[in-house]
Amino acid sequence: MTAQQIEAVIFDLSGTLTTARPQASAATLLPRAIPALERLRSEGIRTGLIIQAPDHPFASLDALTDATVRSDDQLRPFPAPDLPAAVAVRLKASALKRCILVSGCADGISAGLNAGLWTVGTALSGALDRHGNERWATLTHDEQDRIRLQATMTLMNAGAHYVIDDISELDSCLRDIALRQTTG
């Protein structure tokens, strides 16, 4: 991926890298998150993390990111732009338009847009939490498609630039954003 214009990718932990209510037993999304974070860093893209849960059990993610902001840092919660903007500042981004916020909730997308960032919504990570990760495989394809469509429409209605199922599909968004930044 040639993403020389992208300076940072900021992840909303809850509903994106973990389920919406992170618990040590609910680490089903982490196997996809860790390789994605490592790949971004190997390509020279700084990564940041927004943590809204008071005590998240995934301290290993902090070591894979360049900056972390917690909601208890006296910053306003989503949809205010405070959290994503604070991470971008800590990452020493030269321009917010060169940063991307990845979030699984509509308020997170709104916060990214309010801060002037590109936004990528993850439809299934938040939706899976509401419908049960363990139940997903037992749902019919029609039920899965209905849940995916509802989550996608919620994120698109919030203004997300892109909506993907989960972060394993993030690379194509980054390539497209880099191309759009290069061509103006």
N, C-alpha and C. Protein backbone atom coordinates (compact mmCIF):
# COMPACT_ATOMS: atom_id res chain seq x y z
N MET A 1 0.84 -1.17 0.00
CA MET A 1 0.00 0.00 0.00
C MET A 1 0.89 1.24 0.00
N THR A 2 0.57 2.19 -0.83
CA THR A 2 1.29 3.45 -0.82
C THR A 2 0.40 4.50 -0.18
N ALA A 3 0.66 4.75 1.06
CA ALA A 3 -0.19 5.68 1.81
C ALA A 3 0.64 6.83 2.35
N GLN A 4 1.50 7.42 1.49
CA GLN A 4 2.39 8.46 1.96
C GLN A 4 1.65 9.69 2.48
N GLN A 5 0.42 9.90 2.08
CA GLN A 5 -0.35 11.04 2.56
C GLN A 5 -1.03 10.76 3.90
N ILE A 6 -1.25 9.51 4.21
CA ILE A 6 -1.90 9.15 5.47
C ILE A 6 -0.85 9.16 6.57
N GLU A 7 -1.09 9.94 7.59
CA GLU A 7 -0.14 10.02 8.70
C GLU A 7 -0.51 9.13 9.87
N ALA A 8 -1.81 8.96 10.10
CA ALA A 8 -2.21 8.21 11.28
C ALA A 8 -3.57 7.56 11.09
N VAL A 9 -3.72 6.40 11.70
CA VAL A 9 -5.02 5.72 11.78
C VAL A 9 -5.34 5.58 13.26
N ILE A 10 -6.49 6.10 13.64
CA ILE A 10 -6.93 6.12 15.02
C ILE A 10 -8.10 5.15 15.16
N PHE A 11 -8.02 4.28 16.14
CA PHE A 11 -9.05 3.28 16.36
C PHE A 11 -9.83 3.56 17.63
N ASP A 12 -11.14 3.49 17.53
CA ASP A 12 -12.01 3.50 18.70
C ASP A 12 -12.01 2.06 19.19
N LEU A 13 -11.46 1.82 20.37
CA LEU A 13 -11.32 0.45 20.87
C LEU A 13 -12.66 -0.28 20.93
N SER A 14 -13.64 0.32 21.59
CA SER A 14 -14.92 -0.34 21.80
C SER A 14 -15.75 -0.38 20.54
N GLY A 15 -16.11 -1.57 20.11
CA GLY A 15 -16.93 -1.72 18.93
C GLY A 15 -16.15 -1.75 17.64
N THR A 16 -14.84 -1.68 17.72
CA THR A 16 -14.01 -1.71 16.51
C THR A 16 -12.94 -2.78 16.63
N LEU A 17 -12.09 -2.66 17.63
CA LEU A 17 -11.04 -3.67 17.86
C LEU A 17 -11.49 -4.73 18.85
N THR A 18 -12.49 -4.39 19.64
CA THR A 18 -13.10 -5.36 20.56
C THR A 18 -14.60 -5.20 20.42
N THR A 19 -15.35 -5.97 21.14
CA THR A 19 -16.79 -5.78 21.13
C THR A 19 -17.11 -4.45 21.79
N ALA A 20 -18.34 -4.00 21.66
CA ALA A 20 -18.72 -2.68 22.17
C ALA A 20 -18.58 -2.56 23.68
N ARG A 21 -18.70 -3.67 24.39
CA ARG A 21 -18.50 -3.67 25.83
C ARG A 21 -17.33 -4.61 26.13
N PRO A 22 -16.09 -4.12 26.00
CA PRO A 22 -14.94 -5.02 26.10
C PRO A 22 -14.81 -5.69 27.46
N GLN A 23 -14.57 -6.98 27.40
CA GLN A 23 -14.29 -7.78 28.59
C GLN A 23 -13.20 -8.77 28.18
N ALA A 24 -12.48 -9.25 29.14
CA ALA A 24 -11.40 -10.19 28.83
C ALA A 24 -11.92 -11.41 28.08
N SER A 25 -13.15 -11.82 28.35
CA SER A 25 -13.70 -13.00 27.69
C SER A 25 -14.23 -12.69 26.30
N ALA A 26 -14.28 -11.42 25.92
CA ALA A 26 -14.86 -11.03 24.63
C ALA A 26 -13.80 -10.53 23.67
N ALA A 27 -12.70 -11.22 23.57
CA ALA A 27 -11.58 -10.78 22.74
C ALA A 27 -11.63 -11.36 21.33
N THR A 28 -12.80 -11.64 20.82
CA THR A 28 -12.91 -12.33 19.53
C THR A 28 -12.38 -11.52 18.35
N LEU A 29 -12.37 -10.20 18.43
CA LEU A 29 -11.91 -9.38 17.31
C LEU A 29 -10.41 -9.13 17.36
N LEU A 30 -9.77 -9.35 18.48
CA LEU A 30 -8.34 -9.06 18.62
C LEU A 30 -7.45 -9.83 17.65
N PRO A 31 -7.74 -11.07 17.31
CA PRO A 31 -6.87 -11.75 16.34
C PRO A 31 -6.78 -11.02 15.00
N ARG A 32 -7.82 -10.27 14.63
CA ARG A 32 -7.77 -9.47 13.41
C ARG A 32 -7.13 -8.11 13.66
N ALA A 33 -7.29 -7.59 14.86
CA ALA A 33 -6.80 -6.26 15.19
C ALA A 33 -5.28 -6.21 15.27
N ILE A 34 -4.68 -7.16 15.93
CA ILE A 34 -3.23 -7.11 16.15
C ILE A 34 -2.45 -7.13 14.85
N PRO A 35 -2.74 -8.03 13.89
CA PRO A 35 -2.00 -7.97 12.62
C PRO A 35 -2.22 -6.65 11.86
N ALA A 36 -3.42 -6.11 11.93
CA ALA A 36 -3.70 -4.84 11.24
C ALA A 36 -2.86 -3.71 11.84
N LEU A 37 -2.79 -3.65 13.16
CA LEU A 37 -1.98 -2.62 13.82
C LEU A 37 -0.51 -2.80 13.49
N GLU A 38 -0.02 -4.02 13.52
CA GLU A 38 1.39 -4.28 13.20
C GLU A 38 1.71 -3.91 11.76
N ARG A 39 0.80 -4.21 10.83
CA ARG A 39 1.01 -3.90 9.42
C ARG A 39 1.08 -2.39 9.20
N LEU A 40 0.18 -1.65 9.81
CA LEU A 40 0.20 -0.19 9.67
C LEU A 40 1.51 0.39 10.18
N ARG A 41 1.93 -0.06 11.33
CA ARG A 41 3.18 0.46 11.90
C ARG A 41 4.37 0.08 11.03
N SER A 42 4.36 -1.11 10.44
CA SER A 42 5.48 -1.51 9.57
C SER A 42 5.53 -0.67 8.30
N GLU A 43 4.41 -0.08 7.93
CA GLU A 43 4.35 0.80 6.75
C GLU A 43 4.60 2.26 7.10
N GLY A 44 4.94 2.51 8.36
CA GLY A 44 5.26 3.87 8.77
C GLY A 44 4.06 4.74 9.10
N ILE A 45 2.91 4.12 9.23
CA ILE A 45 1.70 4.87 9.60
C ILE A 45 1.52 4.76 11.11
N ARG A 46 1.46 5.91 11.76
CA ARG A 46 1.29 5.91 13.20
C ARG A 46 -0.14 5.47 13.55
N THR A 47 -0.28 4.82 14.69
CA THR A 47 -1.59 4.35 15.11
C THR A 47 -1.92 4.90 16.48
N GLY A 48 -3.19 5.20 16.66
CA GLY A 48 -3.66 5.70 17.93
C GLY A 48 -4.88 4.94 18.39
N LEU A 49 -5.18 5.07 19.66
CA LEU A 49 -6.26 4.31 20.26
C LEU A 49 -7.09 5.22 21.15
N ILE A 50 -8.40 5.15 21.00
CA ILE A 50 -9.33 5.85 21.88
C ILE A 50 -9.98 4.80 22.77
N ILE A 51 -9.85 5.00 24.06
CA ILE A 51 -10.41 4.04 25.01
C ILE A 51 -11.46 4.75 25.84
N GLN A 52 -12.70 4.29 25.70
CA GLN A 52 -13.79 4.90 26.46
C GLN A 52 -14.19 4.08 27.67
N ALA A 53 -13.79 2.81 27.70
CA ALA A 53 -14.09 1.97 28.86
C ALA A 53 -13.11 2.32 29.97
N PRO A 54 -13.58 2.48 31.21
CA PRO A 54 -12.67 2.89 32.29
C PRO A 54 -11.51 1.93 32.49
N ASP A 55 -11.77 0.66 32.51
CA ASP A 55 -10.71 -0.34 32.68
C ASP A 55 -10.83 -1.36 31.57
N HIS A 56 -10.07 -1.19 30.52
CA HIS A 56 -10.14 -2.18 29.46
C HIS A 56 -9.10 -3.26 29.72
N PRO A 57 -9.44 -4.51 29.41
CA PRO A 57 -8.55 -5.62 29.74
C PRO A 57 -7.53 -5.94 28.66
N PHE A 58 -7.33 -5.04 27.71
CA PHE A 58 -6.46 -5.36 26.58
C PHE A 58 -5.24 -4.46 26.55
N ALA A 59 -4.47 -4.45 27.61
CA ALA A 59 -3.29 -3.60 27.73
C ALA A 59 -2.29 -3.89 26.63
N SER A 60 -2.31 -5.09 26.06
CA SER A 60 -1.36 -5.43 24.98
C SER A 60 -1.56 -4.52 23.77
N LEU A 61 -2.76 -4.00 23.57
CA LEU A 61 -3.00 -3.10 22.43
C LEU A 61 -2.27 -1.77 22.62
N ASP A 62 -2.14 -1.30 23.85
CA ASP A 62 -1.44 -0.05 24.11
C ASP A 62 -0.01 -0.11 23.56
N ALA A 63 0.62 -1.27 23.69
CA ALA A 63 2.01 -1.42 23.22
C ALA A 63 2.10 -1.41 21.69
N LEU A 64 1.00 -1.67 21.01
CA LEU A 64 1.01 -1.70 19.54
C LEU A 64 0.63 -0.37 18.92
N THR A 65 0.30 0.61 19.75
CA THR A 65 -0.09 1.91 19.22
C THR A 65 0.89 2.97 19.69
N ASP A 66 0.90 4.09 18.98
CA ASP A 66 1.83 5.17 19.27
C ASP A 66 1.28 6.19 20.26
N ALA A 67 -0.04 6.23 20.40
CA ALA A 67 -0.67 7.17 21.35
C ALA A 67 -2.02 6.61 21.77
N THR A 68 -2.36 6.84 23.01
CA THR A 68 -3.65 6.40 23.54
C THR A 68 -4.28 7.55 24.30
N VAL A 69 -5.57 7.74 24.07
CA VAL A 69 -6.33 8.73 24.82
C VAL A 69 -7.48 8.00 25.47
N ARG A 70 -7.65 8.25 26.74
CA ARG A 70 -8.76 7.66 27.49
C ARG A 70 -9.83 8.72 27.73
N SER A 71 -11.06 8.30 27.75
CA SER A 71 -12.15 9.25 27.91
C SER A 71 -12.12 9.93 29.27
N ASP A 72 -11.37 9.41 30.22
CA ASP A 72 -11.28 10.06 31.53
C ASP A 72 -10.22 11.15 31.55
N ASP A 73 -9.70 11.53 30.39
CA ASP A 73 -8.69 12.59 30.29
C ASP A 73 -9.31 13.99 30.24
N GLN A 74 -10.50 14.15 30.84
CA GLN A 74 -11.19 15.44 30.88
C GLN A 74 -11.59 15.93 29.50
N LEU A 75 -11.81 15.01 28.58
CA LEU A 75 -12.26 15.36 27.24
C LEU A 75 -13.73 14.99 27.09
N ARG A 76 -14.43 15.76 26.27
CA ARG A 76 -15.85 15.46 26.05
C ARG A 76 -15.98 14.15 25.28
N PRO A 77 -17.03 13.37 25.56
CA PRO A 77 -17.23 12.10 24.86
C PRO A 77 -17.74 12.30 23.43
N PHE A 78 -17.76 11.23 22.67
CA PHE A 78 -18.36 11.26 21.32
C PHE A 78 -19.77 11.79 21.45
N PRO A 79 -20.27 12.57 20.54
CA PRO A 79 -19.76 12.90 19.22
C PRO A 79 -18.88 14.15 19.16
N ALA A 80 -18.49 14.69 20.31
CA ALA A 80 -17.57 15.83 20.31
C ALA A 80 -16.24 15.40 19.67
N PRO A 81 -15.54 16.31 19.04
CA PRO A 81 -14.30 15.96 18.34
C PRO A 81 -13.08 15.80 19.25
N ASP A 82 -13.26 15.99 20.55
CA ASP A 82 -12.12 16.03 21.47
C ASP A 82 -11.23 14.79 21.43
N LEU A 83 -11.82 13.61 21.54
CA LEU A 83 -11.02 12.38 21.64
C LEU A 83 -10.19 12.12 20.36
N PRO A 84 -10.81 12.11 19.17
CA PRO A 84 -9.97 11.87 17.97
C PRO A 84 -8.96 12.98 17.73
N ALA A 85 -9.34 14.23 18.00
CA ALA A 85 -8.39 15.33 17.79
C ALA A 85 -7.22 15.22 18.76
N ALA A 86 -7.49 14.84 20.01
CA ALA A 86 -6.41 14.70 21.00
C ALA A 86 -5.43 13.60 20.60
N VAL A 87 -5.94 12.50 20.06
CA VAL A 87 -5.04 11.43 19.61
C VAL A 87 -4.20 11.93 18.45
N ALA A 88 -4.80 12.62 17.49
CA ALA A 88 -4.06 13.14 16.34
C ALA A 88 -2.95 14.10 16.79
N VAL A 89 -3.25 14.93 17.78
CA VAL A 89 -2.23 15.85 18.30
C VAL A 89 -1.10 15.07 18.96
N ARG A 90 -1.45 14.07 19.75
CA ARG A 90 -0.42 13.25 20.40
C ARG A 90 0.43 12.48 19.39
N LEU A 91 -0.16 12.17 18.24
CA LEU A 91 0.57 11.48 17.18
C LEU A 91 1.40 12.44 16.33
N LYS A 92 1.31 13.74 16.65
CA LYS A 92 2.05 14.79 15.95
C LYS A 92 1.69 14.84 14.46
N ALA A 93 0.41 14.65 14.17
CA ALA A 93 -0.07 14.74 12.79
C ALA A 93 0.03 16.19 12.32
N SER A 94 0.49 16.38 11.10
CA SER A 94 0.62 17.74 10.58
C SER A 94 -0.72 18.31 10.13
N ALA A 95 -1.69 17.44 9.83
CA ALA A 95 -3.01 17.89 9.41
C ALA A 95 -4.04 16.82 9.76
N LEU A 96 -5.16 17.23 10.30
CA LEU A 96 -6.19 16.27 10.65
C LEU A 96 -6.74 15.56 9.42
N LYS A 97 -6.71 16.21 8.27
CA LYS A 97 -7.21 15.58 7.05
C LYS A 97 -6.32 14.43 6.59
N ARG A 98 -5.19 14.25 7.24
CA ARG A 98 -4.31 13.12 6.93
C ARG A 98 -4.44 12.00 7.95
N CYS A 99 -5.48 12.09 8.77
CA CYS A 99 -5.74 11.08 9.79
C CYS A 99 -7.08 10.40 9.51
N ILE A 100 -7.18 9.17 9.94
CA ILE A 100 -8.38 8.37 9.72
C ILE A 100 -8.86 7.84 11.07
N LEU A 101 -10.15 7.97 11.33
CA LEU A 101 -10.75 7.37 12.52
C LEU A 101 -11.54 6.15 12.09
N VAL A 102 -11.29 5.03 12.74
CA VAL A 102 -12.02 3.80 12.50
C VAL A 102 -12.89 3.54 13.72
N SER A 103 -14.20 3.48 13.50
CA SER A 103 -15.14 3.32 14.62
C SER A 103 -16.31 2.46 14.20
N GLY A 104 -16.86 1.74 15.16
CA GLY A 104 -18.02 0.90 14.91
C GLY A 104 -19.32 1.51 15.37
N CYS A 105 -19.30 2.78 15.79
CA CYS A 105 -20.54 3.41 16.26
C CYS A 105 -20.77 4.75 15.56
N ALA A 106 -22.03 5.10 15.44
CA ALA A 106 -22.41 6.34 14.76
C ALA A 106 -21.83 7.57 15.46
N ASP A 107 -21.82 7.59 16.79
CA ASP A 107 -21.26 8.74 17.52
C ASP A 107 -19.76 8.86 17.27
N GLY A 108 -19.06 7.73 17.12
CA GLY A 108 -17.63 7.76 16.80
C GLY A 108 -17.39 8.35 15.43
N ILE A 109 -18.21 7.95 14.46
CA ILE A 109 -18.09 8.52 13.11
C ILE A 109 -18.34 10.01 13.16
N SER A 110 -19.37 10.44 13.88
CA SER A 110 -19.65 11.88 14.01
C SER A 110 -18.48 12.61 14.65
N ALA A 111 -17.86 12.02 15.66
CA ALA A 111 -16.72 12.65 16.31
C ALA A 111 -15.56 12.82 15.33
N GLY A 112 -15.30 11.80 14.53
CA GLY A 112 -14.23 11.90 13.53
C GLY A 112 -14.52 12.98 12.51
N LEU A 113 -15.76 13.03 12.03
CA LEU A 113 -16.13 14.07 11.07
C LEU A 113 -16.05 15.45 11.71
N ASN A 114 -16.50 15.58 12.95
CA ASN A 114 -16.43 16.86 13.65
C ASN A 114 -14.99 17.33 13.84
N ALA A 115 -14.06 16.37 13.90
CA ALA A 115 -12.64 16.72 14.06
C ALA A 115 -11.95 16.96 12.71
N GLY A 116 -12.63 16.65 11.61
CA GLY A 116 -12.04 16.85 10.29
C GLY A 116 -11.23 15.66 9.78
N LEU A 117 -11.48 14.48 10.32
CA LEU A 117 -10.76 13.27 9.92
C LEU A 117 -11.56 12.51 8.87
N TRP A 118 -10.85 11.66 8.12
CA TRP A 118 -11.52 10.66 7.30
C TRP A 118 -12.12 9.66 8.28
N THR A 119 -13.23 9.03 7.88
CA THR A 119 -13.85 8.07 8.79
C THR A 119 -14.15 6.76 8.07
N VAL A 120 -13.89 5.67 8.78
CA VAL A 120 -14.21 4.33 8.30
C VAL A 120 -15.03 3.65 9.38
N GLY A 121 -16.23 3.22 9.03
CA GLY A 121 -17.09 2.52 9.96
C GLY A 121 -16.91 1.02 9.83
N THR A 122 -16.92 0.33 10.96
CA THR A 122 -16.86 -1.13 10.95
C THR A 122 -18.24 -1.65 11.34
N ALA A 123 -18.96 -2.14 10.36
CA ALA A 123 -20.36 -2.51 10.55
C ALA A 123 -20.55 -3.70 11.47
N LEU A 124 -19.78 -4.74 11.29
CA LEU A 124 -20.08 -5.95 12.03
C LEU A 124 -19.55 -5.97 13.45
N SER A 125 -18.46 -5.31 13.73
CA SER A 125 -17.93 -5.41 15.09
C SER A 125 -18.93 -4.88 16.12
N GLY A 126 -19.54 -3.75 15.88
CA GLY A 126 -20.55 -3.24 16.81
C GLY A 126 -21.84 -4.04 16.73
N ALA A 127 -22.26 -4.40 15.52
CA ALA A 127 -23.50 -5.15 15.34
C ALA A 127 -23.39 -6.55 15.94
N LEU A 128 -22.23 -7.15 15.84
CA LEU A 128 -22.05 -8.48 16.41
C LEU A 128 -22.21 -8.47 17.92
N ASP A 129 -21.80 -7.38 18.52
CA ASP A 129 -21.94 -7.29 19.98
C ASP A 129 -23.41 -7.30 20.36
N ARG A 130 -24.23 -6.60 19.60
CA ARG A 130 -25.66 -6.55 19.91
C ARG A 130 -26.35 -7.89 19.63
N HIS A 131 -25.85 -8.64 18.68
CA HIS A 131 -26.51 -9.89 18.28
C HIS A 131 -25.78 -11.14 18.76
N GLY A 132 -24.69 -10.95 19.44
CA GLY A 132 -23.97 -12.09 20.01
C GLY A 132 -22.97 -12.68 19.04
N ASN A 133 -21.69 -12.52 19.35
CA ASN A 133 -20.63 -13.07 18.50
C ASN A 133 -20.79 -14.56 18.29
N GLU A 134 -21.13 -15.25 19.37
CA GLU A 134 -21.23 -16.70 19.27
C GLU A 134 -22.45 -17.14 18.46
N ARG A 135 -23.48 -16.31 18.39
CA ARG A 135 -24.68 -16.62 17.61
C ARG A 135 -24.52 -16.34 16.12
N TRP A 136 -23.56 -15.52 15.74
CA TRP A 136 -23.43 -15.08 14.35
C TRP A 136 -23.40 -16.26 13.38
N ALA A 137 -22.61 -17.26 13.66
CA ALA A 137 -22.46 -18.41 12.76
C ALA A 137 -23.75 -19.22 12.64
N THR A 138 -24.63 -19.11 13.63
CA THR A 138 -25.87 -19.88 13.58
C THR A 138 -26.99 -19.14 12.85
N LEU A 139 -26.80 -17.87 12.55
CA LEU A 139 -27.82 -17.10 11.85
C LEU A 139 -27.85 -17.50 10.38
N THR A 140 -29.02 -17.38 9.76
CA THR A 140 -29.11 -17.64 8.31
C THR A 140 -28.41 -16.51 7.57
N HIS A 141 -28.09 -16.74 6.32
CA HIS A 141 -27.44 -15.70 5.51
C HIS A 141 -28.33 -14.46 5.41
N ASP A 142 -29.65 -14.68 5.31
CA ASP A 142 -30.58 -13.55 5.25
C ASP A 142 -30.53 -12.73 6.54
N GLU A 143 -30.47 -13.40 7.69
CA GLU A 143 -30.39 -12.69 8.97
C GLU A 143 -29.07 -11.94 9.09
N GLN A 144 -27.98 -12.56 8.68
CA GLN A 144 -26.68 -11.89 8.69
C GLN A 144 -26.69 -10.67 7.77
N ASP A 145 -27.26 -10.82 6.58
CA ASP A 145 -27.33 -9.69 5.64
C ASP A 145 -28.17 -8.56 6.19
N ARG A 146 -29.28 -8.88 6.88
CA ARG A 146 -30.14 -7.84 7.46
C ARG A 146 -29.38 -7.07 8.53
N ILE A 147 -28.67 -7.78 9.39
CA ILE A 147 -27.89 -7.13 10.46
C ILE A 147 -26.78 -6.27 9.86
N ARG A 148 -26.08 -6.82 8.87
CA ARG A 148 -25.00 -6.08 8.20
C ARG A 148 -25.55 -4.82 7.55
N LEU A 149 -26.68 -4.93 6.86
CA LEU A 149 -27.28 -3.78 6.19
C LEU A 149 -27.71 -2.71 7.19
N GLN A 150 -28.34 -3.11 8.28
CA GLN A 150 -28.76 -2.14 9.30
C GLN A 150 -27.56 -1.40 9.88
N ALA A 151 -26.52 -2.14 10.20
CA ALA A 151 -25.32 -1.52 10.77
C ALA A 151 -24.64 -0.60 9.75
N THR A 152 -24.57 -1.06 8.50
CA THR A 152 -23.96 -0.25 7.44
C THR A 152 -24.73 1.05 7.24
N MET A 153 -26.04 0.95 7.18
CA MET A 153 -26.86 2.16 6.98
C MET A 153 -26.74 3.12 8.15
N THR A 154 -26.65 2.60 9.36
CA THR A 154 -26.48 3.46 10.54
C THR A 154 -25.18 4.26 10.43
N LEU A 155 -24.10 3.59 10.04
CA LEU A 155 -22.80 4.26 9.92
C LEU A 155 -22.77 5.21 8.73
N MET A 156 -23.38 4.82 7.62
CA MET A 156 -23.43 5.71 6.46
C MET A 156 -24.29 6.94 6.76
N ASN A 157 -25.41 6.74 7.45
CA ASN A 157 -26.25 7.89 7.81
C ASN A 157 -25.54 8.83 8.77
N ALA A 158 -24.59 8.31 9.53
CA ALA A 158 -23.78 9.16 10.41
C ALA A 158 -22.74 9.94 9.61
N GLY A 159 -22.52 9.56 8.34
CA GLY A 159 -21.61 10.29 7.47
C GLY A 159 -20.29 9.59 7.18
N ALA A 160 -20.15 8.32 7.54
CA ALA A 160 -18.88 7.61 7.31
C ALA A 160 -18.47 7.69 5.84
N HIS A 161 -17.20 7.96 5.61
CA HIS A 161 -16.68 7.97 4.25
C HIS A 161 -16.69 6.57 3.65
N TYR A 162 -16.40 5.57 4.48
CA TYR A 162 -16.36 4.17 4.08
C TYR A 162 -16.99 3.34 5.18
N VAL A 163 -17.58 2.22 4.81
CA VAL A 163 -18.06 1.25 5.78
C VAL A 163 -17.59 -0.13 5.33
N ILE A 164 -16.94 -0.84 6.24
CA ILE A 164 -16.44 -2.18 5.98
C ILE A 164 -17.00 -3.10 7.07
N ASP A 165 -16.90 -4.40 6.85
CA ASP A 165 -17.39 -5.33 7.87
C ASP A 165 -16.53 -5.26 9.13
N ASP A 166 -15.21 -5.38 8.97
CA ASP A 166 -14.30 -5.30 10.11
C ASP A 166 -12.94 -4.83 9.60
N ILE A 167 -11.99 -4.65 10.50
CA ILE A 167 -10.73 -4.03 10.11
C ILE A 167 -9.86 -4.90 9.21
N SER A 168 -10.22 -6.15 9.01
CA SER A 168 -9.46 -6.96 8.07
C SER A 168 -9.61 -6.42 6.65
N GLU A 169 -10.61 -5.57 6.41
CA GLU A 169 -10.85 -4.97 5.09
C GLU A 169 -10.34 -3.53 5.00
N LEU A 170 -9.59 -3.08 5.97
CA LEU A 170 -9.17 -1.68 6.04
C LEU A 170 -8.20 -1.27 4.93
N ASP A 171 -7.34 -2.17 4.49
CA ASP A 171 -6.32 -1.82 3.50
C ASP A 171 -6.89 -1.18 2.23
N SER A 172 -8.01 -1.69 1.73
CA SER A 172 -8.58 -1.12 0.50
C SER A 172 -9.04 0.31 0.73
N CYS A 173 -9.56 0.60 1.90
CA CYS A 173 -9.97 1.98 2.23
C CYS A 173 -8.75 2.90 2.28
N LEU A 174 -7.68 2.42 2.91
CA LEU A 174 -6.47 3.24 3.01
C LEU A 174 -5.88 3.53 1.64
N ARG A 175 -5.88 2.54 0.77
CA ARG A 175 -5.38 2.77 -0.61
C ARG A 175 -6.22 3.82 -1.32
N ASP A 176 -7.55 3.73 -1.17
CA ASP A 176 -8.43 4.68 -1.84
C ASP A 176 -8.27 6.08 -1.25
N ILE A 177 -8.16 6.19 0.05
CA ILE A 177 -7.96 7.50 0.69
C ILE A 177 -6.65 8.10 0.24
N ALA A 178 -5.58 7.30 0.20
CA ALA A 178 -4.28 7.80 -0.25
C ALA A 178 -4.35 8.28 -1.69
N LEU A 179 -5.06 7.54 -2.54
CA LEU A 179 -5.22 7.95 -3.94
C LEU A 179 -6.00 9.26 -4.02
N ARG A 180 -7.07 9.36 -3.26
CA ARG A 180 -7.88 10.58 -3.27
C ARG A 180 -7.08 11.77 -2.75
N GLN A 181 -6.22 11.55 -1.77
CA GLN A 181 -5.40 12.66 -1.25
C GLN A 181 -4.36 13.08 -2.29
N THR A 182 -3.82 12.13 -3.00
CA THR A 182 -2.81 12.43 -4.02
C THR A 182 -3.40 13.21 -5.19
N THR A 183 -4.62 12.84 -5.59
CA THR A 183 -5.24 13.49 -6.74
C THR A 183 -6.02 14.74 -6.37
N GLY A 184 -6.12 15.02 -5.05
CA GLY A 184 -6.80 16.24 -4.61
C GLY A 184 -8.28 16.04 -4.55
